[in-house]
Amino acid sequence: MDFDQTKRIDVEVSENQIAENEVGVPTRRKRRRLFAEWDILDVALVPVVLGIFVSLGFLFAGLFRSAAAAEAANEIAGTIAAMI
């Protein structure tokens, strides 16, 4: 079989200087402001999202109004049909 042969791998151990330097160093807390990390694209995105929600609100209001009007017309037609 081809897998019967084994190869020796040389292992090299080195120190991690970054981890040793960062251990025990107190972190300074940053005071975060509410909109400190916003850029121009984030600011432009806010009115777009608000516009989408408002337009969806008008769309659903129109659909519900037309459904209510269709139901009222159907009821009137049913009443007229019952009279005849």
N, C-alpha and C. Protein backbone atom coordinates (compact mmCIF):
# COMPACT_ATOMS: atom_id res chain seq x y z
N MET A 1 0.82 -1.18 0.00
CA MET A 1 0.00 0.00 0.00
C MET A 1 0.87 1.25 0.00
N ASP A 2 0.31 2.31 -0.52
CA ASP A 2 1.07 3.56 -0.61
C ASP A 2 1.13 4.29 0.73
N PHE A 3 0.22 3.98 1.62
CA PHE A 3 0.13 4.73 2.86
C PHE A 3 0.93 4.10 4.00
N ASP A 4 1.66 3.05 3.74
CA ASP A 4 2.44 2.40 4.79
C ASP A 4 3.66 3.22 5.19
N GLN A 5 4.16 4.03 4.31
CA GLN A 5 5.35 4.82 4.62
C GLN A 5 4.95 6.04 5.45
N THR A 6 5.72 6.33 6.43
CA THR A 6 5.47 7.51 7.25
C THR A 6 6.62 8.47 7.10
N LYS A 7 6.34 9.74 7.21
CA LYS A 7 7.37 10.76 7.10
C LYS A 7 7.50 11.46 8.45
N ARG A 8 8.69 11.83 8.78
CA ARG A 8 8.95 12.57 10.00
C ARG A 8 8.80 14.06 9.70
N ILE A 9 8.10 14.75 10.58
CA ILE A 9 7.93 16.19 10.42
C ILE A 9 8.77 16.87 11.48
N ASP A 10 9.60 17.81 11.07
CA ASP A 10 10.41 18.56 12.02
C ASP A 10 9.53 19.61 12.69
N VAL A 11 9.57 19.62 13.99
CA VAL A 11 8.76 20.55 14.77
C VAL A 11 9.67 21.67 15.26
N GLU A 12 9.16 22.89 15.08
CA GLU A 12 9.92 24.06 15.53
C GLU A 12 9.03 24.86 16.47
N VAL A 13 9.51 25.13 17.66
CA VAL A 13 8.74 25.88 18.64
C VAL A 13 9.31 27.28 18.71
N SER A 14 8.42 28.27 18.61
CA SER A 14 8.86 29.66 18.71
C SER A 14 7.98 30.39 19.71
N GLU A 15 8.50 31.47 20.24
CA GLU A 15 7.74 32.25 21.22
C GLU A 15 6.81 33.20 20.50
N ASN A 16 5.69 33.44 21.12
CA ASN A 16 4.72 34.37 20.57
C ASN A 16 4.91 35.70 21.29
N GLN A 17 5.62 36.61 20.66
CA GLN A 17 5.95 37.88 21.29
C GLN A 17 4.73 38.76 21.49
N ILE A 18 3.78 38.69 20.58
CA ILE A 18 2.60 39.55 20.66
C ILE A 18 1.77 39.19 21.89
N ALA A 19 1.54 37.91 22.11
CA ALA A 19 0.74 37.50 23.25
C ALA A 19 1.44 37.82 24.56
N GLU A 20 2.74 37.67 24.61
CA GLU A 20 3.47 37.98 25.84
C GLU A 20 3.44 39.46 26.14
N ASN A 21 3.46 40.29 25.12
CA ASN A 21 3.46 41.72 25.34
C ASN A 21 2.08 42.25 25.75
N GLU A 22 1.01 41.59 25.33
CA GLU A 22 -0.33 42.08 25.62
C GLU A 22 -0.90 41.56 26.93
N VAL A 23 -0.31 40.57 27.53
CA VAL A 23 -0.82 40.02 28.78
C VAL A 23 -0.52 40.98 29.91
N GLY A 24 -1.54 41.28 30.68
CA GLY A 24 -1.33 42.13 31.84
C GLY A 24 -1.41 43.61 31.57
N VAL A 25 -1.61 44.01 30.32
CA VAL A 25 -1.72 45.43 30.00
C VAL A 25 -3.18 45.84 30.18
N PRO A 26 -3.45 46.82 31.02
CA PRO A 26 -4.85 47.22 31.20
C PRO A 26 -5.37 47.93 29.97
N THR A 27 -6.59 47.59 29.60
CA THR A 27 -7.19 48.23 28.43
C THR A 27 -7.86 49.52 28.85
N ARG A 28 -7.76 50.51 28.01
CA ARG A 28 -8.37 51.80 28.28
C ARG A 28 -9.77 51.79 27.69
N ARG A 29 -10.75 52.11 28.47
CA ARG A 29 -12.12 52.14 27.97
C ARG A 29 -12.34 53.40 27.17
N LYS A 30 -12.93 53.22 26.02
CA LYS A 30 -13.26 54.36 25.18
C LYS A 30 -14.70 54.77 25.44
N ARG A 31 -14.91 56.04 25.48
CA ARG A 31 -16.26 56.55 25.62
C ARG A 31 -16.86 56.63 24.24
N ARG A 32 -17.92 55.87 24.02
CA ARG A 32 -18.51 55.79 22.69
C ARG A 32 -19.62 56.80 22.55
N ARG A 33 -19.55 57.55 21.49
CA ARG A 33 -20.65 58.45 21.17
C ARG A 33 -21.63 57.72 20.28
N LEU A 34 -22.84 58.22 20.22
CA LEU A 34 -23.91 57.51 19.54
C LEU A 34 -23.66 57.40 18.03
N PHE A 35 -23.30 58.48 17.38
CA PHE A 35 -23.13 58.48 15.93
C PHE A 35 -21.67 58.71 15.53
N ALA A 36 -20.72 58.32 16.34
CA ALA A 36 -19.32 58.61 16.07
C ALA A 36 -18.78 57.81 14.90
N GLU A 37 -19.30 56.61 14.69
CA GLU A 37 -18.73 55.74 13.65
C GLU A 37 -19.53 55.75 12.36
N TRP A 38 -20.45 56.68 12.20
CA TRP A 38 -21.25 56.74 10.98
C TRP A 38 -20.50 57.49 9.90
N ASP A 39 -20.60 57.01 8.67
CA ASP A 39 -20.03 57.74 7.54
C ASP A 39 -21.17 58.26 6.66
N ILE A 40 -20.85 58.81 5.51
CA ILE A 40 -21.85 59.47 4.66
C ILE A 40 -22.86 58.47 4.11
N LEU A 41 -22.46 57.23 3.87
CA LEU A 41 -23.40 56.23 3.35
C LEU A 41 -24.42 55.82 4.41
N ASP A 42 -23.99 55.76 5.67
CA ASP A 42 -24.94 55.45 6.73
C ASP A 42 -25.95 56.57 6.89
N VAL A 43 -25.50 57.79 6.78
CA VAL A 43 -26.40 58.94 6.91
C VAL A 43 -27.38 58.96 5.74
N ALA A 44 -26.93 58.60 4.54
CA ALA A 44 -27.81 58.59 3.37
C ALA A 44 -28.79 57.42 3.42
N LEU A 45 -28.46 56.38 4.14
CA LEU A 45 -29.31 55.21 4.21
C LEU A 45 -30.55 55.44 5.08
N VAL A 46 -30.45 56.29 6.06
CA VAL A 46 -31.57 56.53 6.99
C VAL A 46 -32.81 57.07 6.26
N PRO A 47 -32.70 58.14 5.44
CA PRO A 47 -33.92 58.61 4.76
C PRO A 47 -34.47 57.60 3.75
N VAL A 48 -33.60 56.82 3.15
CA VAL A 48 -34.07 55.81 2.20
C VAL A 48 -34.92 54.76 2.92
N VAL A 49 -34.45 54.30 4.06
CA VAL A 49 -35.19 53.30 4.82
C VAL A 49 -36.52 53.88 5.31
N LEU A 50 -36.50 55.13 5.79
CA LEU A 50 -37.75 55.75 6.23
C LEU A 50 -38.72 55.91 5.07
N GLY A 51 -38.23 56.28 3.90
CA GLY A 51 -39.08 56.40 2.72
C GLY A 51 -39.70 55.08 2.31
N ILE A 52 -38.94 54.02 2.42
CA ILE A 52 -39.47 52.69 2.08
C ILE A 52 -40.59 52.31 3.03
N PHE A 53 -40.40 52.55 4.33
CA PHE A 53 -41.44 52.21 5.29
C PHE A 53 -42.70 53.05 5.09
N VAL A 54 -42.54 54.32 4.79
CA VAL A 54 -43.70 55.18 4.56
C VAL A 54 -44.44 54.74 3.31
N SER A 55 -43.71 54.44 2.23
CA SER A 55 -44.38 54.02 0.99
C SER A 55 -45.07 52.67 1.16
N LEU A 56 -44.47 51.76 1.93
CA LEU A 56 -45.14 50.49 2.20
C LEU A 56 -46.40 50.70 3.04
N GLY A 57 -46.36 51.66 3.95
CA GLY A 57 -47.55 51.98 4.73
C GLY A 57 -48.68 52.48 3.86
N PHE A 58 -48.37 53.39 2.91
CA PHE A 58 -49.39 53.87 1.99
C PHE A 58 -49.91 52.76 1.09
N LEU A 59 -49.02 51.86 0.66
CA LEU A 59 -49.43 50.74 -0.18
C LEU A 59 -50.43 49.84 0.55
N PHE A 60 -50.11 49.45 1.77
CA PHE A 60 -51.01 48.59 2.52
C PHE A 60 -52.30 49.30 2.88
N ALA A 61 -52.23 50.59 3.17
CA ALA A 61 -53.46 51.34 3.46
C ALA A 61 -54.36 51.37 2.24
N GLY A 62 -53.79 51.56 1.06
CA GLY A 62 -54.58 51.54 -0.18
C GLY A 62 -55.17 50.17 -0.46
N LEU A 63 -54.39 49.13 -0.20
CA LEU A 63 -54.92 47.77 -0.41
C LEU A 63 -56.07 47.47 0.53
N PHE A 64 -55.93 47.84 1.79
CA PHE A 64 -57.01 47.59 2.74
C PHE A 64 -58.24 48.43 2.42
N ARG A 65 -58.03 49.66 1.95
CA ARG A 65 -59.16 50.51 1.59
C ARG A 65 -59.88 49.94 0.38
N SER A 66 -59.13 49.47 -0.61
CA SER A 66 -59.78 48.90 -1.79
C SER A 66 -60.48 47.58 -1.45
N ALA A 67 -59.91 46.82 -0.53
CA ALA A 67 -60.56 45.58 -0.11
C ALA A 67 -61.86 45.89 0.62
N ALA A 68 -61.84 46.93 1.44
CA ALA A 68 -63.05 47.31 2.16
C ALA A 68 -64.10 47.85 1.18
N ALA A 69 -63.67 48.61 0.17
CA ALA A 69 -64.61 49.13 -0.82
C ALA A 69 -65.19 47.99 -1.65
N ALA A 70 -64.38 47.01 -1.99
CA ALA A 70 -64.88 45.87 -2.76
C ALA A 70 -65.87 45.06 -1.93
N GLU A 71 -65.60 44.94 -0.65
CA GLU A 71 -66.51 44.21 0.21
C GLU A 71 -67.84 44.96 0.35
N ALA A 72 -67.77 46.28 0.45
CA ALA A 72 -69.00 47.08 0.54
C ALA A 72 -69.80 46.98 -0.76
N ALA A 73 -69.12 47.03 -1.90
CA ALA A 73 -69.81 46.91 -3.19
C ALA A 73 -70.45 45.53 -3.33
N ASN A 74 -69.77 44.52 -2.86
CA ASN A 74 -70.31 43.16 -2.92
C ASN A 74 -71.55 43.04 -2.02
N GLU A 75 -71.52 43.70 -0.88
CA GLU A 75 -72.67 43.65 0.02
C GLU A 75 -73.87 44.39 -0.59
N ILE A 76 -73.59 45.52 -1.24
CA ILE A 76 -74.68 46.27 -1.91
C ILE A 76 -75.26 45.45 -3.04
N ALA A 77 -74.39 44.81 -3.82
CA ALA A 77 -74.86 43.96 -4.93
C ALA A 77 -75.67 42.79 -4.39
N GLY A 78 -75.28 42.24 -3.27
CA GLY A 78 -76.04 41.14 -2.66
C GLY A 78 -77.38 41.61 -2.18
N THR A 79 -77.45 42.81 -1.62
CA THR A 79 -78.73 43.36 -1.15
C THR A 79 -79.66 43.61 -2.31
N ILE A 80 -79.13 44.17 -3.42
CA ILE A 80 -79.96 44.43 -4.60
C ILE A 80 -80.43 43.12 -5.21
N ALA A 81 -79.56 42.12 -5.23
CA ALA A 81 -79.96 40.82 -5.77
C ALA A 81 -81.03 40.17 -4.90
N ALA A 82 -80.97 40.40 -3.60
CA ALA A 82 -81.98 39.82 -2.71
C ALA A 82 -83.33 40.50 -2.89
N MET A 83 -83.32 41.77 -3.27
CA MET A 83 -84.56 42.50 -3.47
C MET A 83 -85.26 42.08 -4.76
N ILE A 84 -84.49 41.65 -5.73
CA ILE A 84 -85.07 41.29 -7.04
C ILE A 84 -85.55 39.89 -7.01
